[in-house]
Amino acid sequence: MQSDQDKPRVRLWRRAARQRGYFTAAQALEDGYSYQSQYFHVHRGNWIRVDRGVYRFREFTDLPAGEEDHLVRWALWSQGLAVVSHATALGVHDLGIANPTKIHLTVPPGFRRRNQAVALHTDELPVDQIEEREGFRVTRPVRAVAETAADGADQDVIDSAVTELLDRGVATKNQLLRAAQQAGPRAELAVERALRAEHA
């Protein structure tokens, strides 16, 4: 006799609970839902289709939305390959005044998916520059500042992020400068300006 623990809904619910209610068609298939049964649950309104091959349990849509819920959706959209980065990562870390109009994601070379809501950056990120969050990954604060500066963000965005990062004692000036130098001349100049503004 099948125990409750072995039932597809229990397995998928546990998985989705770690992903703020989101899951992919492939994950549902792994947990015992055929494509036919997936169609049934979407048609009945049990699952909400949020993108091609990405769903969410209806119950989670009734809960107050978390500020980062949508980032889990994009992590699943990328099949787990994307890392939240640049100005979007600054927002995750609550650094400064960044308010990007698109979701910034860093993806490995060869990534093919596209969406108008997303700004994609191609890079192979070192593991030590990535943080794990609930349902998605994000670049660490120092990296986020440097890559945002390299991307040509307004100077006041960089200034505010650098100020908050230093005020919290999360990073040193040398760490910021090194990261900016690695990101390129534009990043180095913007971070140097932000550090000078700190002393002004």
N, C-alpha and C. Protein backbone atom coordinates (compact mmCIF):
# COMPACT_ATOMS: atom_id res chain seq x y z
N MET A 1 0.84 -1.20 0.00
CA MET A 1 0.00 0.00 0.00
C MET A 1 0.88 1.26 0.00
N GLN A 2 0.51 2.23 -0.82
CA GLN A 2 1.31 3.45 -0.94
C GLN A 2 1.08 4.35 0.26
N SER A 3 2.18 4.76 0.92
CA SER A 3 2.05 5.67 2.06
C SER A 3 1.87 7.09 1.55
N ASP A 4 1.41 7.97 2.45
CA ASP A 4 1.22 9.37 2.07
C ASP A 4 2.52 9.98 1.58
N GLN A 5 3.65 9.53 2.19
CA GLN A 5 4.95 10.09 1.82
C GLN A 5 5.31 9.80 0.36
N ASP A 6 4.75 8.71 -0.17
CA ASP A 6 5.09 8.29 -1.53
C ASP A 6 4.15 8.87 -2.59
N LYS A 7 3.13 9.57 -2.16
CA LYS A 7 2.16 10.09 -3.12
C LYS A 7 2.77 11.26 -3.90
N PRO A 8 2.46 11.34 -5.20
CA PRO A 8 3.02 12.42 -6.01
C PRO A 8 2.80 13.81 -5.44
N ARG A 9 1.59 14.09 -4.95
CA ARG A 9 1.32 15.44 -4.44
C ARG A 9 2.22 15.77 -3.25
N VAL A 10 2.43 14.80 -2.37
CA VAL A 10 3.28 15.05 -1.19
C VAL A 10 4.70 15.35 -1.64
N ARG A 11 5.20 14.55 -2.57
CA ARG A 11 6.57 14.74 -3.05
C ARG A 11 6.72 16.10 -3.73
N LEU A 12 5.77 16.43 -4.62
CA LEU A 12 5.87 17.69 -5.35
C LEU A 12 5.66 18.88 -4.43
N TRP A 13 4.74 18.75 -3.47
CA TRP A 13 4.48 19.85 -2.54
C TRP A 13 5.73 20.15 -1.72
N ARG A 14 6.41 19.10 -1.26
CA ARG A 14 7.64 19.31 -0.48
C ARG A 14 8.70 20.04 -1.30
N ARG A 15 8.82 19.62 -2.54
CA ARG A 15 9.79 20.26 -3.42
C ARG A 15 9.42 21.73 -3.65
N ALA A 16 8.14 21.95 -3.98
CA ALA A 16 7.67 23.31 -4.29
C ALA A 16 7.76 24.22 -3.07
N ALA A 17 7.57 23.67 -1.88
CA ALA A 17 7.64 24.48 -0.66
C ALA A 17 9.02 25.09 -0.48
N ARG A 18 10.04 24.42 -0.99
CA ARG A 18 11.41 24.96 -0.92
C ARG A 18 11.67 25.97 -2.04
N GLN A 19 10.69 26.08 -2.95
CA GLN A 19 10.82 26.96 -4.12
C GLN A 19 9.68 27.98 -4.16
N ARG A 20 9.16 28.30 -2.98
CA ARG A 20 8.08 29.29 -2.84
C ARG A 20 6.85 28.95 -3.68
N GLY A 21 6.60 27.67 -3.78
CA GLY A 21 5.40 27.20 -4.46
C GLY A 21 5.57 26.90 -5.93
N TYR A 22 6.72 27.26 -6.49
CA TYR A 22 6.97 27.06 -7.92
C TYR A 22 7.58 25.68 -8.18
N PHE A 23 7.36 25.19 -9.38
CA PHE A 23 7.99 23.93 -9.82
C PHE A 23 7.91 23.87 -11.34
N THR A 24 8.70 22.99 -11.91
CA THR A 24 8.70 22.85 -13.37
C THR A 24 7.94 21.59 -13.79
N ALA A 25 7.60 21.53 -15.05
CA ALA A 25 6.94 20.34 -15.59
C ALA A 25 7.85 19.12 -15.41
N ALA A 26 9.14 19.32 -15.60
CA ALA A 26 10.10 18.21 -15.44
C ALA A 26 10.12 17.72 -14.00
N GLN A 27 10.06 18.64 -13.04
CA GLN A 27 10.03 18.23 -11.63
C GLN A 27 8.75 17.49 -11.29
N ALA A 28 7.63 17.97 -11.83
CA ALA A 28 6.36 17.28 -11.60
C ALA A 28 6.39 15.87 -12.18
N LEU A 29 7.00 15.75 -13.33
CA LEU A 29 7.14 14.43 -13.97
C LEU A 29 7.96 13.49 -13.09
N GLU A 30 9.06 14.01 -12.56
CA GLU A 30 9.91 13.22 -11.65
C GLU A 30 9.13 12.75 -10.44
N ASP A 31 8.21 13.60 -9.96
CA ASP A 31 7.47 13.27 -8.74
C ASP A 31 6.20 12.48 -8.99
N GLY A 32 5.97 12.07 -10.26
CA GLY A 32 4.88 11.14 -10.53
C GLY A 32 3.69 11.68 -11.29
N TYR A 33 3.78 12.91 -11.80
CA TYR A 33 2.68 13.48 -12.57
C TYR A 33 2.97 13.34 -14.07
N SER A 34 2.15 12.59 -14.76
CA SER A 34 2.29 12.49 -16.22
C SER A 34 1.93 13.83 -16.83
N TYR A 35 2.31 14.05 -18.10
CA TYR A 35 1.95 15.31 -18.76
C TYR A 35 0.44 15.46 -18.85
N GLN A 36 -0.26 14.34 -18.98
CA GLN A 36 -1.73 14.39 -19.04
C GLN A 36 -2.29 14.87 -17.70
N SER A 37 -1.74 14.36 -16.60
CA SER A 37 -2.25 14.78 -15.29
C SER A 37 -1.83 16.23 -14.99
N GLN A 38 -0.70 16.66 -15.52
CA GLN A 38 -0.30 18.06 -15.36
C GLN A 38 -1.31 18.98 -16.05
N TYR A 39 -1.70 18.60 -17.26
CA TYR A 39 -2.69 19.38 -17.99
C TYR A 39 -3.99 19.46 -17.19
N PHE A 40 -4.39 18.34 -16.60
CA PHE A 40 -5.61 18.28 -15.80
C PHE A 40 -5.54 19.28 -14.65
N HIS A 41 -4.43 19.29 -13.92
CA HIS A 41 -4.32 20.18 -12.75
C HIS A 41 -4.29 21.65 -13.14
N VAL A 42 -3.68 21.97 -14.27
CA VAL A 42 -3.70 23.36 -14.75
C VAL A 42 -5.11 23.74 -15.18
N HIS A 43 -5.78 22.83 -15.92
CA HIS A 43 -7.14 23.08 -16.40
C HIS A 43 -8.12 23.26 -15.24
N ARG A 44 -7.93 22.51 -14.15
CA ARG A 44 -8.81 22.61 -12.98
C ARG A 44 -8.49 23.81 -12.10
N GLY A 45 -7.35 24.45 -12.35
CA GLY A 45 -6.97 25.61 -11.53
C GLY A 45 -6.19 25.25 -10.29
N ASN A 46 -5.82 23.99 -10.15
CA ASN A 46 -5.01 23.58 -8.99
C ASN A 46 -3.59 24.14 -9.09
N TRP A 47 -3.10 24.21 -10.33
CA TRP A 47 -1.78 24.75 -10.60
C TRP A 47 -1.94 25.98 -11.49
N ILE A 48 -1.15 26.99 -11.22
CA ILE A 48 -1.15 28.20 -12.04
C ILE A 48 0.06 28.15 -12.98
N ARG A 49 -0.20 28.28 -14.26
CA ARG A 49 0.91 28.30 -15.23
C ARG A 49 1.49 29.70 -15.26
N VAL A 50 2.78 29.84 -14.91
CA VAL A 50 3.40 31.16 -14.87
C VAL A 50 4.35 31.39 -16.05
N ASP A 51 4.75 30.33 -16.71
CA ASP A 51 5.60 30.43 -17.88
C ASP A 51 5.61 29.06 -18.54
N ARG A 52 6.22 28.98 -19.69
CA ARG A 52 6.29 27.70 -20.37
C ARG A 52 7.04 26.68 -19.50
N GLY A 53 6.32 25.66 -19.08
CA GLY A 53 6.93 24.61 -18.27
C GLY A 53 7.19 24.98 -16.83
N VAL A 54 6.65 26.11 -16.36
CA VAL A 54 6.82 26.54 -14.96
C VAL A 54 5.43 26.78 -14.36
N TYR A 55 5.19 26.17 -13.20
CA TYR A 55 3.88 26.26 -12.55
C TYR A 55 4.05 26.66 -11.09
N ARG A 56 2.90 26.98 -10.49
CA ARG A 56 2.89 27.27 -9.05
C ARG A 56 1.62 26.71 -8.45
N PHE A 57 1.73 26.13 -7.26
CA PHE A 57 0.53 25.67 -6.57
C PHE A 57 -0.37 26.87 -6.27
N ARG A 58 -1.65 26.72 -6.57
CA ARG A 58 -2.61 27.82 -6.38
C ARG A 58 -2.57 28.35 -4.95
N GLU A 59 -2.39 27.46 -3.97
CA GLU A 59 -2.41 27.89 -2.57
C GLU A 59 -1.37 28.97 -2.27
N PHE A 60 -0.24 28.91 -2.96
CA PHE A 60 0.81 29.90 -2.70
C PHE A 60 0.44 31.27 -3.25
N THR A 61 -0.41 31.32 -4.26
CA THR A 61 -0.81 32.62 -4.81
C THR A 61 -1.76 33.35 -3.86
N ASP A 62 -2.34 32.62 -2.91
CA ASP A 62 -3.23 33.24 -1.93
C ASP A 62 -2.47 33.85 -0.75
N LEU A 63 -1.17 33.51 -0.64
CA LEU A 63 -0.35 34.02 0.45
C LEU A 63 0.22 35.39 0.07
N PRO A 64 0.56 36.20 1.08
CA PRO A 64 1.22 37.47 0.76
C PRO A 64 2.50 37.21 -0.02
N ALA A 65 2.71 37.95 -1.08
CA ALA A 65 3.89 37.73 -1.93
C ALA A 65 5.15 38.21 -1.23
N GLY A 66 6.18 37.39 -1.28
CA GLY A 66 7.48 37.79 -0.77
C GLY A 66 8.20 38.60 -1.85
N GLU A 67 9.11 39.46 -1.42
CA GLU A 67 9.81 40.33 -2.36
C GLU A 67 10.64 39.55 -3.37
N GLU A 68 11.06 38.34 -3.00
CA GLU A 68 11.95 37.57 -3.86
C GLU A 68 11.28 36.38 -4.53
N ASP A 69 9.98 36.24 -4.37
CA ASP A 69 9.27 35.09 -4.95
C ASP A 69 9.52 34.97 -6.45
N HIS A 70 9.45 36.11 -7.14
CA HIS A 70 9.57 36.08 -8.60
C HIS A 70 10.95 35.60 -9.06
N LEU A 71 11.96 35.74 -8.20
CA LEU A 71 13.31 35.32 -8.59
C LEU A 71 13.41 33.80 -8.65
N VAL A 72 12.62 33.12 -7.84
CA VAL A 72 12.58 31.65 -7.91
C VAL A 72 12.01 31.23 -9.26
N ARG A 73 10.98 31.92 -9.69
CA ARG A 73 10.38 31.64 -11.00
C ARG A 73 11.43 31.72 -12.11
N TRP A 74 12.29 32.76 -12.06
CA TRP A 74 13.30 32.92 -13.11
C TRP A 74 14.42 31.89 -13.00
N ALA A 75 14.72 31.48 -11.78
CA ALA A 75 15.71 30.40 -11.61
C ALA A 75 15.20 29.12 -12.25
N LEU A 76 13.92 28.82 -12.07
CA LEU A 76 13.33 27.63 -12.68
C LEU A 76 13.22 27.78 -14.19
N TRP A 77 12.87 28.98 -14.64
CA TRP A 77 12.81 29.25 -16.08
C TRP A 77 14.14 28.94 -16.75
N SER A 78 15.23 29.23 -16.03
CA SER A 78 16.57 29.00 -16.58
C SER A 78 17.05 27.57 -16.38
N GLN A 79 16.18 26.72 -15.84
CA GLN A 79 16.51 25.33 -15.53
C GLN A 79 17.66 25.24 -14.53
N GLY A 80 17.67 26.21 -13.61
CA GLY A 80 18.66 26.20 -12.54
C GLY A 80 20.03 26.71 -12.94
N LEU A 81 20.16 27.22 -14.16
CA LEU A 81 21.48 27.65 -14.64
C LEU A 81 21.80 29.11 -14.30
N ALA A 82 20.78 29.93 -14.12
CA ALA A 82 20.99 31.36 -13.91
C ALA A 82 21.29 31.71 -12.46
N VAL A 83 22.08 32.77 -12.30
CA VAL A 83 22.36 33.35 -10.99
C VAL A 83 21.87 34.79 -11.02
N VAL A 84 21.07 35.18 -10.06
CA VAL A 84 20.61 36.56 -9.96
C VAL A 84 21.84 37.45 -9.75
N SER A 85 21.94 38.53 -10.53
CA SER A 85 23.19 39.29 -10.52
C SER A 85 22.94 40.77 -10.77
N HIS A 86 24.06 41.52 -10.84
CA HIS A 86 24.04 42.94 -11.18
C HIS A 86 23.08 43.72 -10.27
N ALA A 87 22.33 44.66 -10.85
CA ALA A 87 21.47 45.53 -10.03
C ALA A 87 20.38 44.74 -9.30
N THR A 88 19.94 43.64 -9.88
CA THR A 88 18.93 42.82 -9.20
C THR A 88 19.52 42.20 -7.93
N ALA A 89 20.78 41.80 -8.00
CA ALA A 89 21.45 41.26 -6.81
C ALA A 89 21.61 42.34 -5.74
N LEU A 90 21.87 43.58 -6.15
CA LEU A 90 21.93 44.67 -5.16
C LEU A 90 20.61 44.77 -4.41
N GLY A 91 19.51 44.61 -5.14
CA GLY A 91 18.19 44.65 -4.49
C GLY A 91 18.01 43.50 -3.51
N VAL A 92 18.46 42.31 -3.89
CA VAL A 92 18.36 41.14 -2.99
C VAL A 92 19.12 41.42 -1.70
N HIS A 93 20.31 42.03 -1.83
CA HIS A 93 21.14 42.32 -0.65
C HIS A 93 20.73 43.63 0.04
N ASP A 94 19.70 44.29 -0.50
CA ASP A 94 19.21 45.55 0.05
C ASP A 94 20.32 46.59 0.14
N LEU A 95 21.05 46.72 -0.97
CA LEU A 95 22.16 47.67 -1.03
C LEU A 95 21.80 48.83 -1.96
N GLY A 96 21.68 50.01 -1.39
CA GLY A 96 21.51 51.20 -2.20
C GLY A 96 20.13 51.36 -2.81
N ILE A 97 20.13 52.11 -3.92
CA ILE A 97 18.86 52.56 -4.51
C ILE A 97 18.56 51.91 -5.86
N ALA A 98 19.28 50.84 -6.18
CA ALA A 98 19.07 50.19 -7.49
C ALA A 98 17.61 49.74 -7.62
N ASN A 99 17.04 50.04 -8.78
CA ASN A 99 15.66 49.63 -9.07
C ASN A 99 15.54 49.30 -10.55
N PRO A 100 16.17 48.20 -10.97
CA PRO A 100 16.23 47.89 -12.40
C PRO A 100 14.86 47.56 -12.98
N THR A 101 14.68 47.90 -14.26
CA THR A 101 13.42 47.61 -14.93
C THR A 101 13.36 46.15 -15.39
N LYS A 102 14.52 45.50 -15.48
CA LYS A 102 14.57 44.09 -15.88
C LYS A 102 15.25 43.26 -14.80
N ILE A 103 14.98 41.97 -14.81
CA ILE A 103 15.66 41.04 -13.92
C ILE A 103 17.02 40.72 -14.53
N HIS A 104 18.09 40.96 -13.79
CA HIS A 104 19.43 40.66 -14.28
C HIS A 104 19.86 39.26 -13.83
N LEU A 105 20.23 38.46 -14.81
CA LEU A 105 20.67 37.09 -14.55
C LEU A 105 21.98 36.84 -15.26
N THR A 106 22.90 36.16 -14.59
CA THR A 106 24.13 35.71 -15.25
C THR A 106 23.97 34.23 -15.57
N VAL A 107 24.24 33.89 -16.81
CA VAL A 107 24.05 32.52 -17.30
C VAL A 107 25.36 32.04 -17.94
N PRO A 108 25.56 30.73 -18.00
CA PRO A 108 26.79 30.21 -18.61
C PRO A 108 26.77 30.38 -20.12
N PRO A 109 27.95 30.38 -20.74
CA PRO A 109 28.01 30.45 -22.20
C PRO A 109 27.19 29.33 -22.84
N GLY A 110 26.52 29.65 -23.92
CA GLY A 110 25.71 28.65 -24.61
C GLY A 110 24.26 28.64 -24.19
N PHE A 111 23.90 29.44 -23.16
CA PHE A 111 22.50 29.52 -22.72
C PHE A 111 21.66 30.12 -23.83
N ARG A 112 20.52 29.49 -24.15
CA ARG A 112 19.76 29.90 -25.34
C ARG A 112 18.43 30.59 -25.06
N ARG A 113 17.88 30.43 -23.88
CA ARG A 113 16.54 30.97 -23.63
C ARG A 113 16.58 32.50 -23.58
N ARG A 114 15.47 33.13 -23.95
CA ARG A 114 15.36 34.58 -23.93
C ARG A 114 13.97 34.98 -23.43
N ASN A 115 13.90 36.13 -22.77
CA ASN A 115 12.62 36.68 -22.33
C ASN A 115 12.79 38.19 -22.21
N GLN A 116 11.79 38.95 -22.62
CA GLN A 116 11.89 40.41 -22.60
C GLN A 116 12.02 40.98 -21.20
N ALA A 117 11.60 40.23 -20.19
CA ALA A 117 11.66 40.72 -18.82
C ALA A 117 13.04 40.57 -18.20
N VAL A 118 13.94 39.90 -18.93
CA VAL A 118 15.24 39.52 -18.37
C VAL A 118 16.39 40.15 -19.15
N ALA A 119 17.38 40.65 -18.41
CA ALA A 119 18.65 41.09 -19.00
C ALA A 119 19.67 40.00 -18.68
N LEU A 120 20.16 39.35 -19.72
CA LEU A 120 21.09 38.23 -19.52
C LEU A 120 22.53 38.67 -19.68
N HIS A 121 23.39 38.15 -18.80
CA HIS A 121 24.83 38.38 -18.85
C HIS A 121 25.49 37.01 -18.89
N THR A 122 26.45 36.84 -19.76
CA THR A 122 27.10 35.54 -19.91
C THR A 122 28.44 35.52 -19.19
N ASP A 123 28.62 34.55 -18.30
CA ASP A 123 29.88 34.42 -17.57
C ASP A 123 29.90 33.07 -16.85
N GLU A 124 31.10 32.60 -16.56
CA GLU A 124 31.27 31.43 -15.70
C GLU A 124 31.61 31.96 -14.31
N LEU A 125 30.66 31.89 -13.40
CA LEU A 125 30.87 32.47 -12.08
C LEU A 125 31.59 31.51 -11.15
N PRO A 126 32.64 31.97 -10.46
CA PRO A 126 33.28 31.13 -9.45
C PRO A 126 32.30 30.83 -8.31
N VAL A 127 32.38 29.64 -7.77
CA VAL A 127 31.46 29.22 -6.70
C VAL A 127 31.53 30.15 -5.50
N ASP A 128 32.72 30.67 -5.21
CA ASP A 128 32.87 31.51 -4.02
C ASP A 128 32.26 32.91 -4.19
N GLN A 129 31.75 33.21 -5.37
CA GLN A 129 31.10 34.50 -5.58
C GLN A 129 29.58 34.37 -5.67
N ILE A 130 29.06 33.22 -5.26
CA ILE A 130 27.62 32.94 -5.33
C ILE A 130 27.09 32.58 -3.95
N GLU A 131 25.93 33.10 -3.62
CA GLU A 131 25.22 32.75 -2.39
C GLU A 131 23.98 31.95 -2.73
N GLU A 132 23.67 30.97 -1.90
CA GLU A 132 22.44 30.20 -2.04
C GLU A 132 21.33 30.87 -1.25
N ARG A 133 20.20 31.08 -1.89
CA ARG A 133 19.01 31.57 -1.21
C ARG A 133 17.91 30.52 -1.36
N GLU A 134 16.75 30.79 -0.80
CA GLU A 134 15.65 29.84 -0.88
C GLU A 134 15.08 29.82 -2.30
N GLY A 135 15.50 28.83 -3.07
CA GLY A 135 14.95 28.67 -4.42
C GLY A 135 15.73 29.33 -5.54
N PHE A 136 16.79 30.08 -5.21
CA PHE A 136 17.59 30.71 -6.27
C PHE A 136 18.99 31.01 -5.74
N ARG A 137 19.88 31.36 -6.66
CA ARG A 137 21.24 31.75 -6.30
C ARG A 137 21.46 33.21 -6.68
N VAL A 138 22.37 33.87 -5.98
CA VAL A 138 22.61 35.29 -6.20
C VAL A 138 24.10 35.57 -6.04
N THR A 139 24.63 36.53 -6.81
CA THR A 139 26.03 36.90 -6.64
C THR A 139 26.20 37.61 -5.30
N ARG A 140 27.38 37.42 -4.69
CA ARG A 140 27.66 38.02 -3.39
C ARG A 140 27.74 39.55 -3.50
N PRO A 141 27.58 40.26 -2.37
CA PRO A 141 27.48 41.73 -2.42
C PRO A 141 28.62 42.44 -3.14
N VAL A 142 29.87 42.08 -2.87
CA VAL A 142 30.99 42.77 -3.51
C VAL A 142 30.96 42.55 -5.02
N ARG A 143 30.70 41.33 -5.42
CA ARG A 143 30.59 41.02 -6.85
C ARG A 143 29.43 41.82 -7.47
N ALA A 144 28.31 41.89 -6.75
CA ALA A 144 27.14 42.59 -7.28
C ALA A 144 27.45 44.06 -7.53
N VAL A 145 28.20 44.70 -6.63
CA VAL A 145 28.57 46.10 -6.82
C VAL A 145 29.46 46.24 -8.05
N ALA A 146 30.48 45.39 -8.15
CA ALA A 146 31.44 45.49 -9.26
C ALA A 146 30.76 45.25 -10.61
N GLU A 147 29.92 44.22 -10.69
CA GLU A 147 29.30 43.91 -11.98
C GLU A 147 28.26 44.96 -12.36
N THR A 148 27.61 45.57 -11.38
CA THR A 148 26.65 46.64 -11.66
C THR A 148 27.39 47.87 -12.18
N ALA A 149 28.53 48.15 -11.57
CA ALA A 149 29.35 49.28 -12.04
C ALA A 149 29.85 49.02 -13.46
N ALA A 150 30.28 47.80 -13.73
CA ALA A 150 30.77 47.45 -15.07
C ALA A 150 29.66 47.54 -16.10
N ASP A 151 28.43 47.37 -15.66
CA ASP A 151 27.27 47.40 -16.56
C ASP A 151 26.85 48.83 -16.91
N GLY A 152 27.51 49.82 -16.27
CA GLY A 152 27.21 51.22 -16.60
C GLY A 152 26.07 51.83 -15.82
N ALA A 153 25.81 51.31 -14.63
CA ALA A 153 24.74 51.88 -13.81
C ALA A 153 25.08 53.32 -13.43
N ASP A 154 24.05 54.11 -13.12
CA ASP A 154 24.26 55.49 -12.68
C ASP A 154 25.19 55.53 -11.47
N GLN A 155 25.99 56.57 -11.39
CA GLN A 155 26.96 56.67 -10.29
C GLN A 155 26.29 56.70 -8.93
N ASP A 156 25.12 57.32 -8.84
CA ASP A 156 24.46 57.36 -7.52
C ASP A 156 24.02 55.97 -7.05
N VAL A 157 23.75 55.06 -7.99
CA VAL A 157 23.43 53.67 -7.62
C VAL A 157 24.66 53.00 -7.00
N ILE A 158 25.82 53.22 -7.61
CA ILE A 158 27.06 52.64 -7.09
C ILE A 158 27.44 53.29 -5.77
N ASP A 159 27.32 54.62 -5.71
CA ASP A 159 27.65 55.34 -4.47
C ASP A 159 26.84 54.81 -3.29
N SER A 160 25.54 54.68 -3.50
CA SER A 160 24.66 54.24 -2.40
C SER A 160 24.96 52.81 -1.98
N ALA A 161 25.25 51.94 -2.95
CA ALA A 161 25.54 50.54 -2.64
C ALA A 161 26.86 50.42 -1.89
N VAL A 162 27.88 51.15 -2.33
CA VAL A 162 29.19 51.12 -1.67
C VAL A 162 29.06 51.65 -0.24
N THR A 163 28.36 52.75 -0.06
CA THR A 163 28.18 53.34 1.27
C THR A 163 27.54 52.34 2.22
N GLU A 164 26.46 51.70 1.80
CA GLU A 164 25.77 50.75 2.68
C GLU A 164 26.62 49.52 2.96
N LEU A 165 27.33 49.06 1.95
CA LEU A 165 28.19 47.88 2.14
C LEU A 165 29.27 48.17 3.18
N LEU A 166 29.91 49.33 3.08
CA LEU A 166 30.96 49.69 4.03
C LEU A 166 30.38 49.97 5.42
N ASP A 167 29.22 50.62 5.47
CA ASP A 167 28.58 50.91 6.76
C ASP A 167 28.25 49.64 7.53
N ARG A 168 27.88 48.60 6.79
CA ARG A 168 27.54 47.33 7.44
C ARG A 168 28.78 46.53 7.84
N GLY A 169 29.92 46.92 7.33
CA GLY A 169 31.14 46.17 7.63
C GLY A 169 31.21 44.83 6.93
N VAL A 170 30.46 44.69 5.84
CA VAL A 170 30.40 43.43 5.11
C VAL A 170 31.62 43.25 4.22
N ALA A 171 32.22 44.37 3.80
CA ALA A 171 33.37 44.32 2.91
C ALA A 171 34.31 45.48 3.21
N THR A 172 35.53 45.35 2.75
CA THR A 172 36.51 46.41 2.91
C THR A 172 36.65 47.18 1.60
N LYS A 173 37.29 48.34 1.67
CA LYS A 173 37.55 49.13 0.48
C LYS A 173 38.45 48.37 -0.49
N ASN A 174 39.43 47.68 0.07
CA ASN A 174 40.34 46.91 -0.78
C ASN A 174 39.62 45.79 -1.53
N GLN A 175 38.70 45.13 -0.86
CA GLN A 175 37.92 44.07 -1.52
C GLN A 175 37.08 44.66 -2.66
N LEU A 176 36.49 45.80 -2.43
CA LEU A 176 35.69 46.45 -3.46
C LEU A 176 36.55 46.86 -4.65
N LEU A 177 37.71 47.43 -4.37
CA LEU A 177 38.61 47.85 -5.45
C LEU A 177 39.12 46.67 -6.26
N ARG A 178 39.49 45.59 -5.58
CA ARG A 178 39.97 44.39 -6.29
C ARG A 178 38.89 43.84 -7.22
N ALA A 179 37.67 43.75 -6.69
CA ALA A 179 36.56 43.22 -7.49
C ALA A 179 36.29 44.12 -8.68
N ALA A 180 36.36 45.43 -8.46
CA ALA A 180 36.11 46.38 -9.54
C ALA A 180 37.20 46.28 -10.61
N GLN A 181 38.45 46.14 -10.19
CA GLN A 181 39.56 46.00 -11.14
C GLN A 181 39.38 44.76 -12.02
N GLN A 182 38.93 43.68 -11.40
CA GLN A 182 38.68 42.45 -12.16
C GLN A 182 37.53 42.61 -13.14
N ALA A 183 36.57 43.48 -12.80
CA ALA A 183 35.40 43.68 -13.65
C ALA A 183 35.68 44.62 -14.82
N GLY A 184 36.80 45.37 -14.77
CA GLY A 184 37.15 46.23 -15.90
C GLY A 184 37.25 47.70 -15.55
N PRO A 185 37.77 48.50 -16.49
CA PRO A 185 38.02 49.93 -16.24
C PRO A 185 36.79 50.74 -15.83
N ARG A 186 35.67 50.45 -16.45
CA ARG A 186 34.45 51.21 -16.12
C ARG A 186 34.06 50.97 -14.66
N ALA A 187 34.11 49.71 -14.23
CA ALA A 187 33.78 49.37 -12.85
C ALA A 187 34.78 50.00 -11.89
N GLU A 188 36.06 49.93 -12.24
CA GLU A 188 37.10 50.48 -11.37
C GLU A 188 36.90 51.97 -11.15
N LEU A 189 36.60 52.70 -12.23
CA LEU A 189 36.39 54.14 -12.12
C LEU A 189 35.18 54.46 -11.25
N ALA A 190 34.08 53.75 -11.47
CA ALA A 190 32.85 54.02 -10.71
C ALA A 190 33.04 53.72 -9.22
N VAL A 191 33.72 52.63 -8.90
CA VAL A 191 33.93 52.28 -7.49
C VAL A 191 34.91 53.25 -6.84
N GLU A 192 35.95 53.66 -7.56
CA GLU A 192 36.89 54.66 -7.03
C GLU A 192 36.16 55.96 -6.72
N ARG A 193 35.27 56.37 -7.62
CA ARG A 193 34.48 57.59 -7.38
C ARG A 193 33.61 57.44 -6.13
N ALA A 194 33.00 56.26 -5.99
CA ALA A 194 32.15 56.02 -4.82
C ALA A 194 32.96 56.07 -3.53
N LEU A 195 34.15 55.53 -3.57
CA LEU A 195 35.01 55.54 -2.37
C LEU A 195 35.49 56.95 -2.05
N ARG A 196 35.77 57.74 -3.09
CA ARG A 196 36.15 59.14 -2.84
C ARG A 196 34.99 59.92 -2.25
N ALA A 197 33.78 59.63 -2.72
CA ALA A 197 32.59 60.31 -2.19
C ALA A 197 32.39 59.98 -0.71
N GLU A 198 32.84 58.80 -0.31
CA GLU A 198 32.76 58.39 1.10
C GLU A 198 33.55 59.35 1.99
N HIS A 199 34.67 59.84 1.46
CA HIS A 199 35.54 60.71 2.25
C HIS A 199 35.17 62.18 2.13
N ALA A 200 34.31 62.48 1.18
CA ALA A 200 33.98 63.90 0.93
C ALA A 200 33.15 64.49 2.05
